[in-house]
N, C-alpha and C. Protein backbone atom coordinates (compact mmCIF):
# COMPACT_ATOMS: atom_id res chain seq x y z
N MET A 1 -44.26 119.82 -77.67
CA MET A 1 -43.50 120.03 -78.88
C MET A 1 -43.69 118.82 -79.79
N THR A 2 -43.99 119.08 -81.02
CA THR A 2 -44.19 118.02 -82.00
C THR A 2 -43.03 118.03 -83.00
N THR A 3 -42.50 116.85 -83.25
CA THR A 3 -41.44 116.72 -84.23
C THR A 3 -42.04 116.20 -85.52
N LYS A 4 -41.85 116.91 -86.59
CA LYS A 4 -42.37 116.48 -87.88
C LYS A 4 -41.61 115.25 -88.36
N GLN A 5 -42.35 114.25 -88.80
CA GLN A 5 -41.72 113.04 -89.32
C GLN A 5 -41.09 113.32 -90.67
N GLN A 6 -39.97 112.68 -90.90
CA GLN A 6 -39.25 112.81 -92.16
C GLN A 6 -39.05 111.43 -92.76
N PRO A 7 -39.19 111.28 -94.05
CA PRO A 7 -38.93 109.97 -94.68
C PRO A 7 -37.48 109.56 -94.47
N LEU A 8 -37.28 108.25 -94.35
CA LEU A 8 -35.93 107.72 -94.18
C LEU A 8 -35.23 107.51 -95.51
N ASN A 9 -35.98 107.53 -96.60
CA ASN A 9 -35.42 107.28 -97.92
C ASN A 9 -34.64 105.96 -97.96
N SER A 10 -35.25 104.94 -97.37
CA SER A 10 -34.61 103.63 -97.29
C SER A 10 -34.76 102.81 -98.56
N GLY A 11 -35.68 103.23 -99.41
CA GLY A 11 -35.97 102.43 -100.59
C GLY A 11 -37.12 101.47 -100.35
N PHE A 12 -37.56 101.36 -99.10
CA PHE A 12 -38.69 100.51 -98.76
C PHE A 12 -39.92 101.38 -98.61
N GLY A 13 -41.09 100.79 -98.86
CA GLY A 13 -42.32 101.56 -98.75
C GLY A 13 -43.48 100.69 -98.33
N ALA A 14 -44.66 101.22 -98.51
CA ALA A 14 -45.88 100.54 -98.07
C ALA A 14 -46.12 99.20 -98.77
N THR A 15 -45.57 99.03 -99.94
CA THR A 15 -45.79 97.78 -100.68
C THR A 15 -44.62 96.80 -100.57
N THR A 16 -43.59 97.17 -99.80
CA THR A 16 -42.43 96.30 -99.63
C THR A 16 -42.82 95.06 -98.82
N THR A 17 -42.44 93.89 -99.29
CA THR A 17 -42.73 92.66 -98.55
C THR A 17 -41.62 92.39 -97.55
N ALA A 18 -41.91 91.51 -96.60
CA ALA A 18 -40.91 91.13 -95.60
C ALA A 18 -39.69 90.50 -96.27
N ARG A 19 -39.93 89.68 -97.26
CA ARG A 19 -38.81 89.02 -97.97
C ARG A 19 -37.95 90.04 -98.70
N GLU A 20 -38.58 91.05 -99.28
CA GLU A 20 -37.81 92.10 -99.96
C GLU A 20 -36.97 92.89 -98.96
N ALA A 21 -37.54 93.19 -97.81
CA ALA A 21 -36.81 93.96 -96.79
C ALA A 21 -35.61 93.17 -96.27
N LEU A 22 -35.77 91.86 -96.13
CA LEU A 22 -34.68 91.02 -95.62
C LEU A 22 -33.60 90.81 -96.68
N GLY A 23 -33.99 90.84 -97.92
CA GLY A 23 -33.01 90.67 -99.00
C GLY A 23 -32.31 89.33 -98.93
N ASN A 24 -30.99 89.33 -99.07
CA ASN A 24 -30.20 88.09 -99.03
C ASN A 24 -29.65 87.79 -97.65
N THR A 25 -30.10 88.50 -96.65
CA THR A 25 -29.61 88.28 -95.29
C THR A 25 -29.97 86.89 -94.82
N ARG A 26 -28.99 86.18 -94.27
CA ARG A 26 -29.21 84.85 -93.71
C ARG A 26 -29.32 84.97 -92.20
N LEU A 27 -30.21 84.18 -91.61
CA LEU A 27 -30.43 84.22 -90.17
C LEU A 27 -30.17 82.86 -89.52
N ASP A 28 -29.31 82.06 -90.16
CA ASP A 28 -28.97 80.76 -89.58
C ASP A 28 -28.42 80.96 -88.17
N GLY A 29 -28.88 80.14 -87.23
CA GLY A 29 -28.42 80.25 -85.85
C GLY A 29 -29.18 81.29 -85.03
N THR A 30 -30.08 82.02 -85.66
CA THR A 30 -30.88 83.03 -84.97
C THR A 30 -32.12 82.39 -84.39
N VAL A 31 -32.45 82.76 -83.15
CA VAL A 31 -33.67 82.28 -82.50
C VAL A 31 -34.62 83.47 -82.38
N ALA A 32 -35.83 83.30 -82.89
CA ALA A 32 -36.84 84.36 -82.86
C ALA A 32 -38.11 83.84 -82.20
N ILE A 33 -38.78 84.70 -81.46
CA ILE A 33 -40.12 84.43 -80.96
C ILE A 33 -41.04 85.41 -81.67
N VAL A 34 -42.12 84.88 -82.27
CA VAL A 34 -43.08 85.72 -82.98
C VAL A 34 -44.46 85.45 -82.38
N THR A 35 -44.96 86.39 -81.57
CA THR A 35 -46.32 86.22 -81.07
C THR A 35 -47.28 86.48 -82.22
N GLY A 36 -48.36 85.72 -82.25
CA GLY A 36 -49.28 85.84 -83.38
C GLY A 36 -48.68 85.33 -84.66
N GLY A 37 -47.70 84.45 -84.55
CA GLY A 37 -46.93 84.00 -85.71
C GLY A 37 -47.60 82.94 -86.56
N TYR A 38 -48.88 82.71 -86.37
CA TYR A 38 -49.54 81.69 -87.17
C TYR A 38 -50.75 82.23 -87.93
N ALA A 39 -50.87 83.54 -88.02
CA ALA A 39 -51.97 84.14 -88.78
C ALA A 39 -51.57 85.53 -89.27
N GLY A 40 -52.09 85.92 -90.40
CA GLY A 40 -51.91 87.27 -90.91
C GLY A 40 -50.45 87.67 -91.09
N ILE A 41 -50.14 88.89 -90.67
CA ILE A 41 -48.78 89.42 -90.80
C ILE A 41 -47.79 88.58 -90.01
N GLY A 42 -48.23 88.06 -88.87
CA GLY A 42 -47.35 87.21 -88.06
C GLY A 42 -46.94 85.94 -88.79
N LEU A 43 -47.87 85.34 -89.54
CA LEU A 43 -47.56 84.14 -90.32
C LEU A 43 -46.55 84.48 -91.41
N GLU A 44 -46.74 85.59 -92.09
CA GLU A 44 -45.78 86.00 -93.12
C GLU A 44 -44.41 86.26 -92.50
N THR A 45 -44.39 86.85 -91.32
CA THR A 45 -43.12 87.10 -90.61
C THR A 45 -42.45 85.78 -90.27
N THR A 46 -43.21 84.83 -89.74
CA THR A 46 -42.67 83.51 -89.40
C THR A 46 -42.09 82.83 -90.64
N ARG A 47 -42.85 82.83 -91.73
CA ARG A 47 -42.38 82.20 -92.97
C ARG A 47 -41.10 82.85 -93.49
N THR A 48 -41.02 84.17 -93.41
CA THR A 48 -39.86 84.89 -93.92
C THR A 48 -38.63 84.61 -93.07
N LEU A 49 -38.78 84.64 -91.75
CA LEU A 49 -37.65 84.33 -90.87
C LEU A 49 -37.19 82.89 -91.08
N HIS A 50 -38.15 81.98 -91.20
CA HIS A 50 -37.84 80.57 -91.45
C HIS A 50 -37.06 80.41 -92.76
N ALA A 51 -37.53 81.07 -93.82
CA ALA A 51 -36.87 80.97 -95.12
C ALA A 51 -35.44 81.50 -95.09
N ALA A 52 -35.17 82.42 -94.17
CA ALA A 52 -33.82 82.98 -94.03
C ALA A 52 -32.95 82.14 -93.10
N GLY A 53 -33.51 81.04 -92.55
CA GLY A 53 -32.71 80.14 -91.75
C GLY A 53 -32.89 80.22 -90.25
N ALA A 54 -33.75 81.10 -89.77
CA ALA A 54 -33.95 81.25 -88.32
C ALA A 54 -34.76 80.10 -87.75
N THR A 55 -34.55 79.84 -86.47
CA THR A 55 -35.45 78.99 -85.70
C THR A 55 -36.50 79.92 -85.12
N VAL A 56 -37.76 79.63 -85.35
CA VAL A 56 -38.84 80.52 -84.93
C VAL A 56 -39.73 79.79 -83.93
N ILE A 57 -39.92 80.41 -82.78
CA ILE A 57 -40.81 79.88 -81.75
C ILE A 57 -42.10 80.70 -81.82
N VAL A 58 -43.21 79.99 -81.96
CA VAL A 58 -44.50 80.65 -82.09
C VAL A 58 -45.38 80.25 -80.90
N PRO A 59 -45.58 81.17 -79.96
CA PRO A 59 -46.52 80.89 -78.87
C PRO A 59 -47.94 80.90 -79.43
N ALA A 60 -48.78 79.95 -78.99
CA ALA A 60 -50.10 79.84 -79.59
C ALA A 60 -51.17 79.59 -78.54
N ARG A 61 -52.23 80.38 -78.61
CA ARG A 61 -53.40 80.18 -77.76
C ARG A 61 -54.26 79.07 -78.33
N THR A 62 -54.22 78.90 -79.67
CA THR A 62 -54.99 77.85 -80.34
C THR A 62 -54.00 76.96 -81.11
N PRO A 63 -53.40 76.00 -80.42
CA PRO A 63 -52.35 75.17 -81.03
C PRO A 63 -52.78 74.44 -82.30
N ASP A 64 -54.02 73.96 -82.37
CA ASP A 64 -54.46 73.24 -83.57
C ASP A 64 -54.45 74.15 -84.79
N LYS A 65 -54.92 75.37 -84.64
CA LYS A 65 -54.92 76.35 -85.73
C LYS A 65 -53.47 76.67 -86.12
N ALA A 66 -52.61 76.86 -85.12
CA ALA A 66 -51.21 77.17 -85.39
C ALA A 66 -50.52 76.02 -86.11
N ARG A 67 -50.75 74.81 -85.64
CA ARG A 67 -50.14 73.62 -86.24
C ARG A 67 -50.53 73.50 -87.71
N ALA A 68 -51.79 73.74 -88.02
CA ALA A 68 -52.25 73.66 -89.41
C ALA A 68 -51.60 74.74 -90.27
N ALA A 69 -51.50 75.94 -89.74
CA ALA A 69 -50.93 77.06 -90.52
C ALA A 69 -49.43 76.90 -90.77
N LEU A 70 -48.75 76.24 -89.83
CA LEU A 70 -47.28 76.15 -89.90
C LEU A 70 -46.79 74.77 -90.33
N ALA A 71 -47.69 73.92 -90.76
CA ALA A 71 -47.32 72.56 -91.16
C ALA A 71 -46.23 72.58 -92.22
N GLY A 72 -45.23 71.74 -92.02
CA GLY A 72 -44.17 71.58 -93.00
C GLY A 72 -43.00 72.54 -92.85
N LEU A 73 -43.07 73.45 -91.90
CA LEU A 73 -41.97 74.39 -91.70
C LEU A 73 -41.03 73.85 -90.62
N GLU A 74 -39.86 73.38 -91.06
CA GLU A 74 -38.86 72.92 -90.09
C GLU A 74 -38.34 74.14 -89.33
N ARG A 75 -37.84 73.92 -88.16
CA ARG A 75 -37.28 74.97 -87.30
C ARG A 75 -38.34 75.97 -86.82
N VAL A 76 -39.61 75.61 -86.94
CA VAL A 76 -40.68 76.41 -86.35
C VAL A 76 -41.28 75.57 -85.24
N GLU A 77 -41.21 76.11 -84.04
CA GLU A 77 -41.66 75.39 -82.85
C GLU A 77 -42.89 76.07 -82.26
N LEU A 78 -43.88 75.27 -81.89
CA LEU A 78 -45.09 75.79 -81.26
C LEU A 78 -44.99 75.60 -79.75
N GLU A 79 -45.41 76.60 -79.03
CA GLU A 79 -45.45 76.54 -77.57
C GLU A 79 -46.80 77.08 -77.12
N PRO A 80 -47.42 76.44 -76.15
CA PRO A 80 -48.70 76.97 -75.67
C PRO A 80 -48.49 78.28 -74.89
N MET A 81 -49.33 79.25 -75.17
CA MET A 81 -49.33 80.50 -74.41
C MET A 81 -50.60 81.27 -74.75
N ASP A 82 -51.22 81.82 -73.73
CA ASP A 82 -52.42 82.64 -73.90
C ASP A 82 -52.12 84.01 -73.30
N LEU A 83 -52.09 85.04 -74.13
CA LEU A 83 -51.75 86.38 -73.66
C LEU A 83 -52.77 86.96 -72.69
N PHE A 84 -53.92 86.33 -72.56
CA PHE A 84 -54.91 86.77 -71.58
C PHE A 84 -54.71 86.09 -70.24
N ASP A 85 -53.73 85.23 -70.14
CA ASP A 85 -53.50 84.45 -68.92
C ASP A 85 -52.07 84.69 -68.42
N PRO A 86 -51.91 85.55 -67.42
CA PRO A 86 -50.56 85.85 -66.92
C PRO A 86 -49.76 84.61 -66.52
N ALA A 87 -50.42 83.61 -65.96
CA ALA A 87 -49.70 82.38 -65.58
C ALA A 87 -49.18 81.66 -66.82
N SER A 88 -49.93 81.71 -67.91
CA SER A 88 -49.51 81.09 -69.16
C SER A 88 -48.29 81.81 -69.73
N ILE A 89 -48.29 83.13 -69.64
CA ILE A 89 -47.14 83.92 -70.11
C ILE A 89 -45.91 83.58 -69.28
N ASP A 90 -46.08 83.53 -67.97
CA ASP A 90 -44.96 83.20 -67.08
C ASP A 90 -44.41 81.80 -67.36
N ALA A 91 -45.32 80.84 -67.60
CA ALA A 91 -44.89 79.47 -67.88
C ALA A 91 -44.12 79.41 -69.19
N PHE A 92 -44.60 80.13 -70.22
CA PHE A 92 -43.88 80.17 -71.49
C PHE A 92 -42.48 80.74 -71.28
N ALA A 93 -42.40 81.87 -70.60
CA ALA A 93 -41.10 82.50 -70.36
C ALA A 93 -40.17 81.58 -69.58
N SER A 94 -40.70 80.91 -68.58
CA SER A 94 -39.88 79.99 -67.78
C SER A 94 -39.34 78.84 -68.62
N ARG A 95 -40.20 78.29 -69.50
CA ARG A 95 -39.74 77.20 -70.37
C ARG A 95 -38.64 77.68 -71.31
N PHE A 96 -38.81 78.88 -71.86
CA PHE A 96 -37.80 79.38 -72.77
C PHE A 96 -36.49 79.62 -72.03
N ILE A 97 -36.54 80.26 -70.90
CA ILE A 97 -35.31 80.52 -70.11
C ILE A 97 -34.63 79.21 -69.74
N ALA A 98 -35.42 78.22 -69.33
CA ALA A 98 -34.86 76.93 -68.95
C ALA A 98 -34.20 76.22 -70.13
N SER A 99 -34.60 76.56 -71.36
CA SER A 99 -34.00 75.91 -72.53
C SER A 99 -32.54 76.33 -72.71
N GLY A 100 -32.15 77.46 -72.12
CA GLY A 100 -30.78 77.93 -72.22
C GLY A 100 -30.42 78.55 -73.56
N ARG A 101 -31.40 78.67 -74.44
CA ARG A 101 -31.12 79.25 -75.75
C ARG A 101 -31.12 80.78 -75.68
N PRO A 102 -30.32 81.40 -76.53
CA PRO A 102 -30.37 82.86 -76.60
C PRO A 102 -31.63 83.29 -77.36
N LEU A 103 -32.09 84.50 -77.11
CA LEU A 103 -33.18 85.08 -77.87
C LEU A 103 -32.61 86.25 -78.66
N HIS A 104 -32.64 86.13 -79.98
CA HIS A 104 -32.08 87.16 -80.84
C HIS A 104 -33.15 88.15 -81.32
N LEU A 105 -34.35 87.64 -81.59
CA LEU A 105 -35.43 88.49 -82.09
C LEU A 105 -36.72 88.20 -81.33
N LEU A 106 -37.36 89.25 -80.85
CA LEU A 106 -38.68 89.13 -80.23
C LEU A 106 -39.61 90.04 -81.01
N ILE A 107 -40.58 89.43 -81.68
CA ILE A 107 -41.51 90.20 -82.49
C ILE A 107 -42.89 90.08 -81.85
N ASN A 108 -43.31 91.16 -81.20
CA ASN A 108 -44.61 91.21 -80.52
C ASN A 108 -45.67 91.60 -81.54
N ASN A 109 -46.19 90.60 -82.21
CA ASN A 109 -47.14 90.83 -83.28
C ASN A 109 -48.58 90.56 -82.87
N ALA A 110 -48.79 89.75 -81.85
CA ALA A 110 -50.16 89.38 -81.48
C ALA A 110 -50.94 90.63 -81.11
N ALA A 111 -52.11 90.73 -81.67
CA ALA A 111 -52.97 91.89 -81.41
C ALA A 111 -54.21 91.44 -80.67
N SER A 112 -54.72 92.34 -79.88
CA SER A 112 -55.94 92.08 -79.15
C SER A 112 -56.88 93.25 -79.42
N TRP A 113 -58.01 92.95 -79.98
CA TRP A 113 -58.97 94.01 -80.30
C TRP A 113 -59.94 94.14 -79.15
N PRO A 114 -59.99 95.28 -78.49
CA PRO A 114 -60.82 95.46 -77.30
C PRO A 114 -62.29 95.10 -77.50
N HIS A 115 -62.86 95.37 -78.66
CA HIS A 115 -64.27 95.08 -78.85
C HIS A 115 -64.56 93.59 -78.98
N ARG A 116 -63.51 92.78 -79.14
CA ARG A 116 -63.70 91.34 -79.24
C ARG A 116 -63.02 90.58 -78.11
N SER A 117 -62.33 91.28 -77.23
CA SER A 117 -61.50 90.61 -76.24
C SER A 117 -62.27 90.28 -74.98
N PRO A 118 -62.17 89.04 -74.53
CA PRO A 118 -62.81 88.68 -73.25
C PRO A 118 -61.96 89.22 -72.11
N ALA A 119 -62.50 89.17 -70.92
CA ALA A 119 -61.71 89.54 -69.75
C ALA A 119 -60.54 88.58 -69.62
N THR A 120 -59.44 89.07 -69.07
CA THR A 120 -58.30 88.18 -68.87
C THR A 120 -58.64 87.18 -67.79
N ARG A 121 -57.87 86.12 -67.74
CA ARG A 121 -58.08 85.12 -66.70
C ARG A 121 -57.78 85.70 -65.32
N ALA A 122 -57.05 86.81 -65.29
CA ALA A 122 -56.76 87.47 -64.02
C ALA A 122 -57.93 88.34 -63.57
N GLY A 123 -58.96 88.45 -64.42
CA GLY A 123 -60.16 89.14 -64.01
C GLY A 123 -60.31 90.57 -64.50
N SER A 124 -59.42 91.04 -65.33
CA SER A 124 -59.55 92.39 -65.85
C SER A 124 -59.64 92.33 -67.37
N SER A 125 -60.08 93.41 -67.96
CA SER A 125 -60.15 93.44 -69.41
C SER A 125 -58.91 94.11 -69.95
N PRO A 126 -58.60 93.93 -71.25
CA PRO A 126 -57.42 94.56 -71.82
C PRO A 126 -57.46 96.08 -71.76
N ASN A 127 -58.62 96.66 -71.52
CA ASN A 127 -58.72 98.12 -71.45
C ASN A 127 -58.55 98.67 -70.04
N SER A 128 -58.56 97.79 -69.05
CA SER A 128 -58.32 98.24 -67.69
C SER A 128 -56.91 97.83 -67.30
N PRO A 129 -56.33 98.47 -66.28
CA PRO A 129 -54.94 98.14 -65.94
C PRO A 129 -54.83 96.82 -65.17
N PRO A 130 -54.52 95.71 -65.86
CA PRO A 130 -54.36 94.43 -65.18
C PRO A 130 -53.02 94.37 -64.44
N THR A 131 -52.89 93.37 -63.60
CA THR A 131 -51.65 93.18 -62.88
C THR A 131 -50.51 92.87 -63.84
N THR A 132 -50.76 91.99 -64.80
CA THR A 132 -49.76 91.63 -65.80
C THR A 132 -50.42 91.68 -67.16
N TRP A 133 -49.76 92.34 -68.11
CA TRP A 133 -50.31 92.39 -69.46
C TRP A 133 -49.16 92.36 -70.44
N ALA A 134 -49.24 91.52 -71.42
CA ALA A 134 -48.19 91.44 -72.44
C ALA A 134 -48.37 92.58 -73.43
N THR A 135 -47.27 93.11 -73.93
CA THR A 135 -47.37 94.19 -74.89
C THR A 135 -47.98 93.67 -76.18
N SER A 136 -48.61 94.53 -76.88
CA SER A 136 -49.28 94.18 -78.13
C SER A 136 -48.97 95.24 -79.16
N SER A 137 -48.93 94.81 -80.40
CA SER A 137 -48.69 95.77 -81.47
C SER A 137 -50.01 96.27 -82.05
N SER A 138 -51.10 96.06 -81.33
CA SER A 138 -52.39 96.51 -81.81
C SER A 138 -52.40 98.01 -82.04
N PRO A 139 -52.92 98.44 -83.18
CA PRO A 139 -52.95 99.88 -83.43
C PRO A 139 -53.84 100.61 -82.44
N LEU A 140 -54.69 99.87 -81.72
CA LEU A 140 -55.53 100.50 -80.71
C LEU A 140 -54.81 100.63 -79.39
N GLY A 141 -53.63 100.01 -79.28
CA GLY A 141 -52.84 100.12 -78.05
C GLY A 141 -53.53 99.47 -76.86
N SER A 142 -54.12 98.32 -77.04
CA SER A 142 -54.85 97.68 -75.96
C SER A 142 -53.89 97.08 -74.94
N GLY A 143 -53.77 97.74 -73.85
CA GLY A 143 -52.91 97.27 -72.77
C GLY A 143 -51.72 98.21 -72.61
N PRO A 144 -51.24 98.32 -71.38
CA PRO A 144 -50.11 99.22 -71.14
C PRO A 144 -48.85 98.73 -71.81
N ARG A 145 -47.97 99.63 -72.13
CA ARG A 145 -46.70 99.28 -72.78
C ARG A 145 -45.57 99.55 -71.83
């Protein structure tokens, strides 16, 4: 059975920016994690959450690139993490849990394109069922959800 999609009539559309969608909402005291938060849509998401007052944690496989992209943004924290390395994901999660901070927003933005993705450090590719795989917002759906 297929359900026909219906517009929400929210007033937002394909050209709506993240800042427009957030409006005057303040996020002071909010802690967000944004995977892929230092490039493309993820960078815009990080900047928008930051501008609204949130503390944003950005896990990064390439810390130097992330540091350059996020320079000057207070309350944006970089943490090492490689989504192709299950041990790296576990270490990131353990550090965050140990910090004792609440997590208010988790934005899984990091995408992995199968035609460019190397095998994971666990020995499988994003297209095969690995033991551990982080969810991705890739339109190709690379990896189990």
